[in-house]
Amino acid sequence: MATDDPDALRSKLAAAAVSGTLAEQVASFARRYSITPAVLWRLVAEHADRALRASPLPIKATTAMRLASDPLTDVWASLPNPMAGMRD
């Protein structure tokens, strides 16, 4: 990503790492092993950087992006972060 904007870089990382990768892994483990997702998020938070535990969690608004006049420009929304406030 060609930018010097730390907020843009943080958003991209958080969206990919937390809402993309970790959320699916937590959901899969929770279903497979009947573990409460909050327990798994607490374990993840123990090893996550403070920036990834910030709230709210950035997520790409893909439908809004596709409907926009420039569909290649990122549009962001936010969701509550399941790790917010943990391990502070």
C-alpha atoms as a PDB file:
ATOM      1  CA  MET A   1       0.000   0.000   0.000  1.00  0.00           C
ATOM      2  CA  ALA A   2       1.551   3.264  -1.085  1.00  0.00           C
ATOM      3  CA  THR A   3       0.833   5.695   1.753  1.00  0.00           C
ATOM      4  CA  ASP A   4       2.570   7.405   4.631  1.00  0.00           C
ATOM      5  CA  ASP A   5      -0.686   7.820   6.570  1.00  0.00           C
ATOM      6  CA  PRO A   6      -0.367   5.770   9.791  1.00  0.00           C
ATOM      7  CA  ASP A   7      -4.153   5.701  10.289  1.00  0.00           C
ATOM      8  CA  ALA A   8      -4.714   4.221   6.832  1.00  0.00           C
ATOM      9  CA  LEU A   9      -2.029   1.609   7.434  1.00  0.00           C
ATOM     10  CA  ARG A  10      -3.455   0.734  10.856  1.00  0.00           C
ATOM     11  CA  SER A  11      -6.954   0.385   9.409  1.00  0.00           C
ATOM     12  CA  LYS A  12      -5.770  -1.938   6.654  1.00  0.00           C
ATOM     13  CA  LEU A  13      -3.849  -4.095   9.126  1.00  0.00           C
ATOM     14  CA  ALA A  14      -6.651  -4.254  11.684  1.00  0.00           C
ATOM     15  CA  ALA A  15      -9.285  -5.015   9.066  1.00  0.00           C
ATOM     16  CA  ALA A  16      -7.240  -7.813   7.545  1.00  0.00           C
ATOM     17  CA  ALA A  17      -5.896  -9.306  10.774  1.00  0.00           C
ATOM     18  CA  VAL A  18      -8.856  -9.011  13.124  1.00  0.00           C
ATOM     19  CA  SER A  19     -12.071  -8.863  11.139  1.00  0.00           C
ATOM     20  CA  GLY A  20     -10.757 -11.030   8.327  1.00  0.00           C
ATOM     21  CA  THR A  21      -8.453 -13.681   9.722  1.00  0.00           C
ATOM     22  CA  LEU A  22      -8.875 -13.834  13.507  1.00  0.00           C
ATOM     23  CA  ALA A  23     -12.661 -13.471  13.558  1.00  0.00           C
ATOM     24  CA  GLU A  24     -13.116 -16.505  11.334  1.00  0.00           C
ATOM     25  CA  GLN A  25     -10.631 -18.583  13.332  1.00  0.00           C
ATOM     26  CA  VAL A  26     -12.315 -17.662  16.615  1.00  0.00           C
ATOM     27  CA  ALA A  27     -15.736 -18.497  15.169  1.00  0.00           C
ATOM     28  CA  SER A  28     -14.504 -21.848  13.807  1.00  0.00           C
ATOM     29  CA  PHE A  29     -12.818 -22.897  17.056  1.00  0.00           C
ATOM     30  CA  ALA A  30     -15.847 -21.794  19.079  1.00  0.00           C
ATOM     31  CA  ARG A  31     -18.192 -23.905  16.939  1.00  0.00           C
ATOM     32  CA  ARG A  32     -15.917 -26.931  16.700  1.00  0.00           C
ATOM     33  CA  TYR A  33     -14.910 -27.133  20.352  1.00  0.00           C
ATOM     34  CA  SER A  34     -17.955 -25.472  21.998  1.00  0.00           C
ATOM     35  CA  ILE A  35     -15.831 -22.691  23.487  1.00  0.00           C
ATOM     36  CA  THR A  36     -17.320 -19.299  24.284  1.00  0.00           C
ATOM     37  CA  PRO A  37     -15.917 -16.793  21.750  1.00  0.00           C
ATOM     38  CA  ALA A  38     -15.134 -14.302  24.556  1.00  0.00           C
ATOM     39  CA  VAL A  39     -12.681 -16.819  26.044  1.00  0.00           C
ATOM     40  CA  LEU A  40     -10.900 -17.169  22.705  1.00  0.00           C
ATOM     41  CA  TRP A  41     -10.827 -13.390  22.139  1.00  0.00           C
ATOM     42  CA  ARG A  42      -9.261 -12.987  25.592  1.00  0.00           C
ATOM     43  CA  LEU A  43      -6.485 -15.404  24.580  1.00  0.00           C
ATOM     44  CA  VAL A  44      -5.924 -13.523  21.324  1.00  0.00           C
ATOM     45  CA  ALA A  45      -5.877 -10.177  23.174  1.00  0.00           C
ATOM     46  CA  GLU A  46      -3.093 -11.423  25.453  1.00  0.00           C
ATOM     47  CA  HIS A  47      -0.797 -11.552  22.421  1.00  0.00           C
ATOM     48  CA  ALA A  48      -2.189  -8.724  20.301  1.00  0.00           C
ATOM     49  CA  ASP A  49      -0.649  -5.311  19.929  1.00  0.00           C
ATOM     50  CA  ARG A  50      -2.501  -2.473  21.659  1.00  0.00           C
ATOM     51  CA  ALA A  51      -3.439  -1.007  18.244  1.00  0.00           C
ATOM     52  CA  LEU A  52      -5.293  -4.201  17.364  1.00  0.00           C
ATOM     53  CA  ARG A  53      -7.204  -4.043  20.647  1.00  0.00           C
ATOM     54  CA  ALA A  54      -8.469  -0.521  20.016  1.00  0.00           C
ATOM     55  CA  SER A  55     -12.147   0.103  19.616  1.00  0.00           C
ATOM     56  CA  PRO A  56     -13.936   0.410  17.297  1.00  0.00           C
ATOM     57  CA  LEU A  57     -12.686  -2.094  14.762  1.00  0.00           C
ATOM     58  CA  PRO A  58     -12.335  -0.807  11.187  1.00  0.00           C
ATOM     59  CA  ILE A  59     -13.962  -2.914   8.507  1.00  0.00           C
ATOM     60  CA  LYS A  60     -14.289  -2.289   4.803  1.00  0.00           C
ATOM     61  CA  ALA A  61     -17.797  -1.345   3.704  1.00  0.00           C
ATOM     62  CA  THR A  62     -17.589  -3.413   0.533  1.00  0.00           C
ATOM     63  CA  THR A  63     -21.177  -2.948  -0.612  1.00  0.00           C
ATOM     64  CA  ALA A  64     -20.847   0.832  -0.242  1.00  0.00           C
ATOM     65  CA  MET A  65     -17.555   0.697  -2.140  1.00  0.00           C
ATOM     66  CA  ARG A  66     -19.092  -1.213  -5.054  1.00  0.00           C
ATOM     67  CA  LEU A  67     -22.013   1.226  -5.269  1.00  0.00           C
ATOM     68  CA  ALA A  68     -19.815   4.341  -5.057  1.00  0.00           C
ATOM     69  CA  SER A  69     -18.793   6.362  -8.097  1.00  0.00           C
ATOM     70  CA  ASP A  70     -15.192   5.171  -7.579  1.00  0.00           C
ATOM     71  CA  PRO A  71     -15.493   1.515  -6.484  1.00  0.00           C
ATOM     72  CA  LEU A  72     -11.727   1.166  -5.951  1.00  0.00           C
ATOM     73  CA  THR A  73     -11.563   3.761  -3.178  1.00  0.00           C
ATOM     74  CA  ASP A  74     -11.780   2.246   0.310  1.00  0.00           C
ATOM     75  CA  VAL A  75     -14.896   3.031   2.321  1.00  0.00           C
ATOM     76  CA  TRP A  76     -14.681   2.173   6.011  1.00  0.00           C
ATOM     77  CA  ALA A  77     -17.264   1.324   8.646  1.00  0.00           C
ATOM     78  CA  SER A  78     -16.661   0.310  12.234  1.00  0.00           C
ATOM     79  CA  LEU A  79     -17.767  -2.519  14.465  1.00  0.00           C
ATOM     80  CA  PRO A  80     -17.281  -3.119  18.173  1.00  0.00           C
ATOM     81  CA  ASN A  81     -13.915  -4.789  18.742  1.00  0.00           C
ATOM     82  CA  PRO A  82     -14.236  -8.043  20.724  1.00  0.00           C
ATOM     83  CA  MET A  83     -10.793  -7.347  22.255  1.00  0.00           C
ATOM     84  CA  ALA A  84     -11.470  -3.712  23.240  1.00  0.00           C
ATOM     85  CA  GLY A  85     -10.334  -2.942  26.753  1.00  0.00           C
ATOM     86  CA  MET A  86      -8.704  -6.326  27.309  1.00  0.00           C
ATOM     87  CA  ARG A  87      -5.193  -6.501  28.786  1.00  0.00           C
ATOM     88  CA  ASP A  88      -4.831  -2.745  29.363  1.00  0.00           C
END
